[in-house]
Amino acid sequence: MFGWAILFLVVALVAAVLGFGGIAGTAVGIAKIIAVVAIVLFIISLFMGRRGRPL
């Protein structure tokens, strides 16, 4: 999932360099959303994995 966030960030950087402000802003927004979702899913899986194993 971080791969998608990095891809959209690279698209945003290229679009910003070429002068496409609207596309760059949209790509950065998408990258931020995907990064936050990935972090939240990682934290959830971390807690669920620890809870599922007996000590």
PDB file of N, CA and C in Angstrom:
ATOM      1  N   MET A   1       0.817  -1.179   0.000  1.00  0.00           N
ATOM      2  CA  MET A   1       0.000   0.000   0.000  1.00  0.00           C
ATOM      3  C   MET A   1       0.870   1.256   0.000  1.00  0.00           C
ATOM      4  N   PHE A   2       2.008   1.166   0.668  1.00  0.00           N
ATOM      5  CA  PHE A   2       2.915   2.314   0.628  1.00  0.00           C
ATOM      6  C   PHE A   2       3.455   2.535  -0.777  1.00  0.00           C
ATOM      7  N   GLY A   3       3.514   1.468  -1.556  1.00  0.00           N
ATOM      8  CA  GLY A   3       3.943   1.610  -2.949  1.00  0.00           C
ATOM      9  C   GLY A   3       3.012   2.526  -3.732  1.00  0.00           C
ATOM     10  N   TRP A   4       1.706   2.392  -3.491  1.00  0.00           N
ATOM     11  CA  TRP A   4       0.735   3.267  -4.154  1.00  0.00           C
ATOM     12  C   TRP A   4       0.915   4.710  -3.704  1.00  0.00           C
ATOM     13  N   ALA A   5       1.144   4.909  -2.403  1.00  0.00           N
ATOM     14  CA  ALA A   5       1.329   6.262  -1.889  1.00  0.00           C
ATOM     15  C   ALA A   5       2.570   6.903  -2.503  1.00  0.00           C
ATOM     16  N   ILE A   6       3.639   6.127  -2.611  1.00  0.00           N
ATOM     17  CA  ILE A   6       4.869   6.655  -3.212  1.00  0.00           C
ATOM     18  C   ILE A   6       4.661   6.944  -4.692  1.00  0.00           C
ATOM     19  N   LEU A   7       3.911   6.086  -5.379  1.00  0.00           N
ATOM     20  CA  LEU A   7       3.614   6.315  -6.790  1.00  0.00           C
ATOM     21  C   LEU A   7       2.857   7.632  -6.990  1.00  0.00           C
ATOM     22  N   PHE A   8       1.832   7.872  -6.186  1.00  0.00           N
ATOM     23  CA  PHE A   8       1.084   9.114  -6.316  1.00  0.00           C
ATOM     24  C   PHE A   8       1.929  10.317  -5.925  1.00  0.00           C
ATOM     25  N   LEU A   9       2.834  10.151  -4.974  1.00  0.00           N
ATOM     26  CA  LEU A   9       3.725  11.244  -4.607  1.00  0.00           C
ATOM     27  C   LEU A   9       4.663  11.581  -5.757  1.00  0.00           C
ATOM     28  N   VAL A  10       5.187  10.571  -6.435  1.00  0.00           N
ATOM     29  CA  VAL A  10       6.062  10.813  -7.588  1.00  0.00           C
ATOM     30  C   VAL A  10       5.278  11.482  -8.711  1.00  0.00           C
ATOM     31  N   VAL A  11       4.051  11.034  -8.948  1.00  0.00           N
ATOM     32  CA  VAL A  11       3.208  11.669  -9.967  1.00  0.00           C
ATOM     33  C   VAL A  11       2.975  13.135  -9.618  1.00  0.00           C
ATOM     34  N   ALA A  12       2.744  13.407  -8.346  1.00  0.00           N
ATOM     35  CA  ALA A  12       2.529  14.788  -7.907  1.00  0.00           C
ATOM     36  C   ALA A  12       3.772  15.636  -8.116  1.00  0.00           C
ATOM     37  N   LEU A  13       4.933  15.079  -7.819  1.00  0.00           N
ATOM     38  CA  LEU A  13       6.168  15.837  -7.999  1.00  0.00           C
ATOM     39  C   LEU A  13       6.430  16.137  -9.473  1.00  0.00           C
ATOM     40  N   VAL A  14       6.204  15.148 -10.331  1.00  0.00           N
ATOM     41  CA  VAL A  14       6.400  15.361 -11.766  1.00  0.00           C
ATOM     42  C   VAL A  14       5.401  16.390 -12.287  1.00  0.00           C
ATOM     43  N   ALA A  15       4.155  16.285 -11.856  1.00  0.00           N
ATOM     44  CA  ALA A  15       3.136  17.240 -12.293  1.00  0.00           C
ATOM     45  C   ALA A  15       3.456  18.647 -11.804  1.00  0.00           C
ATOM     46  N   ALA A  16       3.984  18.760 -10.597  1.00  0.00           N
ATOM     47  CA  ALA A  16       4.340  20.080 -10.071  1.00  0.00           C
ATOM     48  C   ALA A  16       5.488  20.691 -10.857  1.00  0.00           C
ATOM     49  N   VAL A  17       6.468  19.875 -11.219  1.00  0.00           N
ATOM     50  CA  VAL A  17       7.601  20.369 -11.996  1.00  0.00           C
ATOM     51  C   VAL A  17       7.136  20.838 -13.374  1.00  0.00           C
ATOM     52  N   LEU A  18       6.177  20.127 -13.961  1.00  0.00           N
ATOM     53  CA  LEU A  18       5.683  20.481 -15.286  1.00  0.00           C
ATOM     54  C   LEU A  18       4.650  21.608 -15.246  1.00  0.00           C
ATOM     55  N   GLY A  19       4.216  22.009 -14.065  1.00  0.00           N
ATOM     56  CA  GLY A  19       3.319  23.142 -13.950  1.00  0.00           C
ATOM     57  C   GLY A  19       1.847  22.808 -13.888  1.00  0.00           C
ATOM     58  N   PHE A  20       1.503  21.552 -13.682  1.00  0.00           N
ATOM     59  CA  PHE A  20       0.106  21.156 -13.571  1.00  0.00           C
ATOM     60  C   PHE A  20      -0.282  21.160 -12.095  1.00  0.00           C
ATOM     61  N   GLY A  21      -0.668  22.316 -11.578  1.00  0.00           N
ATOM     62  CA  GLY A  21      -0.946  22.467 -10.151  1.00  0.00           C
ATOM     63  C   GLY A  21      -2.129  21.659  -9.669  1.00  0.00           C
ATOM     64  N   GLY A  22      -3.209  21.622 -10.437  1.00  0.00           N
ATOM     65  CA  GLY A  22      -4.397  20.888 -10.005  1.00  0.00           C
ATOM     66  C   GLY A  22      -4.157  19.398  -9.914  1.00  0.00           C
ATOM     67  N   ILE A  23      -3.462  18.849 -10.894  1.00  0.00           N
ATOM     68  CA  ILE A  23      -3.157  17.412 -10.890  1.00  0.00           C
ATOM     69  C   ILE A  23      -2.212  17.084  -9.745  1.00  0.00           C
ATOM     70  N   ALA A  24      -1.237  17.958  -9.512  1.00  0.00           N
ATOM     71  CA  ALA A  24      -0.279  17.712  -8.430  1.00  0.00           C
ATOM     72  C   ALA A  24      -0.976  17.732  -7.074  1.00  0.00           C
ATOM     73  N   GLY A  25      -1.876  18.677  -6.883  1.00  0.00           N
ATOM     74  CA  GLY A  25      -2.599  18.750  -5.612  1.00  0.00           C
ATOM     75  C   GLY A  25      -3.466  17.528  -5.375  1.00  0.00           C
ATOM     76  N   THR A  26      -4.118  17.073  -6.421  1.00  0.00           N
ATOM     77  CA  THR A  26      -4.956  15.885  -6.306  1.00  0.00           C
ATOM     78  C   THR A  26      -4.120  14.652  -5.998  1.00  0.00           C
ATOM     79  N   ALA A  27      -2.989  14.502  -6.677  1.00  0.00           N
ATOM     80  CA  ALA A  27      -2.130  13.338  -6.453  1.00  0.00           C
ATOM     81  C   ALA A  27      -1.556  13.343  -5.037  1.00  0.00           C
ATOM     82  N   VAL A  28      -1.193  14.507  -4.532  1.00  0.00           N
ATOM     83  CA  VAL A  28      -0.685  14.587  -3.156  1.00  0.00           C
ATOM     84  C   VAL A  28      -1.787  14.220  -2.171  1.00  0.00           C
ATOM     85  N   GLY A  29      -3.000  14.680  -2.412  1.00  0.00           N
ATOM     86  CA  GLY A  29      -4.117  14.333  -1.534  1.00  0.00           C
ATOM     87  C   GLY A  29      -4.366  12.840  -1.505  1.00  0.00           C
ATOM     88  N   ILE A  30      -4.341  12.219  -2.675  1.00  0.00           N
ATOM     89  CA  ILE A  30      -4.535  10.765  -2.748  1.00  0.00           C
ATOM     90  C   ILE A  30      -3.401  10.043  -2.025  1.00  0.00           C
ATOM     91  N   ALA A  31      -2.165  10.509  -2.214  1.00  0.00           N
ATOM     92  CA  ALA A  31      -1.019   9.883  -1.547  1.00  0.00           C
ATOM     93  C   ALA A  31      -1.143   9.975  -0.032  1.00  0.00           C
ATOM     94  N   LYS A  32      -1.609  11.114   0.471  1.00  0.00           N
ATOM     95  CA  LYS A  32      -1.781  11.271   1.918  1.00  0.00           C
ATOM     96  C   LYS A  32      -2.841  10.315   2.452  1.00  0.00           C
ATOM     97  N   ILE A  33      -3.950  10.211   1.741  1.00  0.00           N
ATOM     98  CA  ILE A  33      -5.026   9.323   2.189  1.00  0.00           C
ATOM     99  C   ILE A  33      -4.559   7.874   2.208  1.00  0.00           C
ATOM    100  N   ILE A  34      -3.877   7.446   1.157  1.00  0.00           N
ATOM    101  CA  ILE A  34      -3.406   6.061   1.088  1.00  0.00           C
ATOM    102  C   ILE A  34      -2.373   5.787   2.180  1.00  0.00           C
ATOM    103  N   ALA A  35      -1.494   6.746   2.448  1.00  0.00           N
ATOM    104  CA  ALA A  35      -0.487   6.562   3.496  1.00  0.00           C
ATOM    105  C   ALA A  35      -1.148   6.432   4.869  1.00  0.00           C
ATOM    106  N   VAL A  36      -2.148   7.249   5.146  1.00  0.00           N
ATOM    107  CA  VAL A  36      -2.844   7.181   6.440  1.00  0.00           C
ATOM    108  C   VAL A  36      -3.581   5.846   6.577  1.00  0.00           C
ATOM    109  N   VAL A  37      -4.238   5.405   5.515  1.00  0.00           N
ATOM    110  CA  VAL A  37      -4.934   4.116   5.555  1.00  0.00           C
ATOM    111  C   VAL A  37      -3.942   2.983   5.799  1.00  0.00           C
ATOM    112  N   ALA A  38      -2.782   3.042   5.164  1.00  0.00           N
ATOM    113  CA  ALA A  38      -1.769   2.003   5.353  1.00  0.00           C
ATOM    114  C   ALA A  38      -1.273   1.982   6.793  1.00  0.00           C
ATOM    115  N   ILE A  39      -1.055   3.137   7.378  1.00  0.00           N
ATOM    116  CA  ILE A  39      -0.585   3.195   8.767  1.00  0.00           C
ATOM    117  C   ILE A  39      -1.646   2.661   9.718  1.00  0.00           C
ATOM    118  N   VAL A  40      -2.905   3.041   9.492  1.00  0.00           N
ATOM    119  CA  VAL A  40      -3.991   2.556  10.352  1.00  0.00           C
ATOM    120  C   VAL A  40      -4.128   1.036  10.239  1.00  0.00           C
ATOM    121  N   LEU A  41      -4.074   0.501   9.022  1.00  0.00           N
ATOM    122  CA  LEU A  41      -4.166  -0.950   8.855  1.00  0.00           C
ATOM    123  C   LEU A  41      -2.981  -1.670   9.493  1.00  0.00           C
ATOM    124  N   PHE A  42      -1.800  -1.066   9.432  1.00  0.00           N
ATOM    125  CA  PHE A  42      -0.636  -1.663  10.075  1.00  0.00           C
ATOM    126  C   PHE A  42      -0.819  -1.728  11.582  1.00  0.00           C
ATOM    127  N   ILE A  43      -1.307  -0.653  12.172  1.00  0.00           N
ATOM    128  CA  ILE A  43      -1.507  -0.623  13.624  1.00  0.00           C
ATOM    129  C   ILE A  43      -2.569  -1.636  14.039  1.00  0.00           C
ATOM    130  N   ILE A  44      -3.654  -1.721  13.272  1.00  0.00           N
ATOM    131  CA  ILE A  44      -4.704  -2.688  13.587  1.00  0.00           C
ATOM    132  C   ILE A  44      -4.166  -4.112  13.491  1.00  0.00           C
ATOM    133  N   SER A  45      -3.417  -4.412  12.444  1.00  0.00           N
ATOM    134  CA  SER A  45      -2.881  -5.765  12.297  1.00  0.00           C
ATOM    135  C   SER A  45      -1.842  -6.073  13.370  1.00  0.00           C
ATOM    136  N   LEU A  46      -1.121  -5.070  13.812  1.00  0.00           N
ATOM    137  CA  LEU A  46      -0.147  -5.264  14.882  1.00  0.00           C
ATOM    138  C   LEU A  46      -0.850  -5.678  16.167  1.00  0.00           C
ATOM    139  N   PHE A  47      -1.921  -4.974  16.534  1.00  0.00           N
ATOM    140  CA  PHE A  47      -2.654  -5.304  17.759  1.00  0.00           C
ATOM    141  C   PHE A  47      -3.407  -6.626  17.633  1.00  0.00           C
ATOM    142  N   MET A  48      -3.991  -6.886  16.489  1.00  0.00           N
ATOM    143  CA  MET A  48      -4.739  -8.132  16.314  1.00  0.00           C
ATOM    144  C   MET A  48      -3.797  -9.330  16.319  1.00  0.00           C
ATOM    145  N   GLY A  49      -2.614  -9.176  15.779  1.00  0.00           N
ATOM    146  CA  GLY A  49      -1.646 -10.262  15.776  1.00  0.00           C
ATOM    147  C   GLY A  49      -1.153 -10.599  17.168  1.00  0.00           C
ATOM    148  N   ARG A  50      -0.963  -9.603  17.991  1.00  0.00           N
ATOM    149  CA  ARG A  50      -0.516  -9.850  19.355  1.00  0.00           C
ATOM    150  C   ARG A  50      -1.617 -10.449  20.210  1.00  0.00           C
ATOM    151  N   ARG A  51      -2.841 -10.052  19.953  1.00  0.00           N
ATOM    152  CA  ARG A  51      -3.965 -10.539  20.747  1.00  0.00           C
ATOM    153  C   ARG A  51      -4.311 -11.981  20.392  1.00  0.00           C
ATOM    154  N   GLY A  52      -4.062 -12.391  19.158  1.00  0.00           N
ATOM    155  CA  GLY A  52      -4.453 -13.714  18.706  1.00  0.00           C
ATOM    156  C   GLY A  52      -3.557 -14.836  19.197  1.00  0.00           C
ATOM    157  N   ARG A  53      -2.349 -14.521  19.617  1.00  0.00           N
ATOM    158  CA  ARG A  53      -1.415 -15.574  20.045  1.00  0.00           C
ATOM    159  C   ARG A  53      -1.460 -15.746  21.568  1.00  0.00           C
ATOM    160  N   PRO A  54      -1.571 -16.983  22.030  1.00  0.00           N
ATOM    161  CA  PRO A  54      -1.515 -17.196  23.491  1.00  0.00           C
ATOM    162  C   PRO A  54      -0.072 -17.064  23.988  1.00  0.00           C
ATOM    163  N   LEU A  55       0.074 -16.621  25.214  1.00  0.00           N
ATOM    164  CA  LEU A  55       1.419 -16.454  25.793  1.00  0.00           C
ATOM    165  C   LEU A  55       1.959 -17.721  26.347  1.00  0.00           C
TER     166      LEU A  55
END
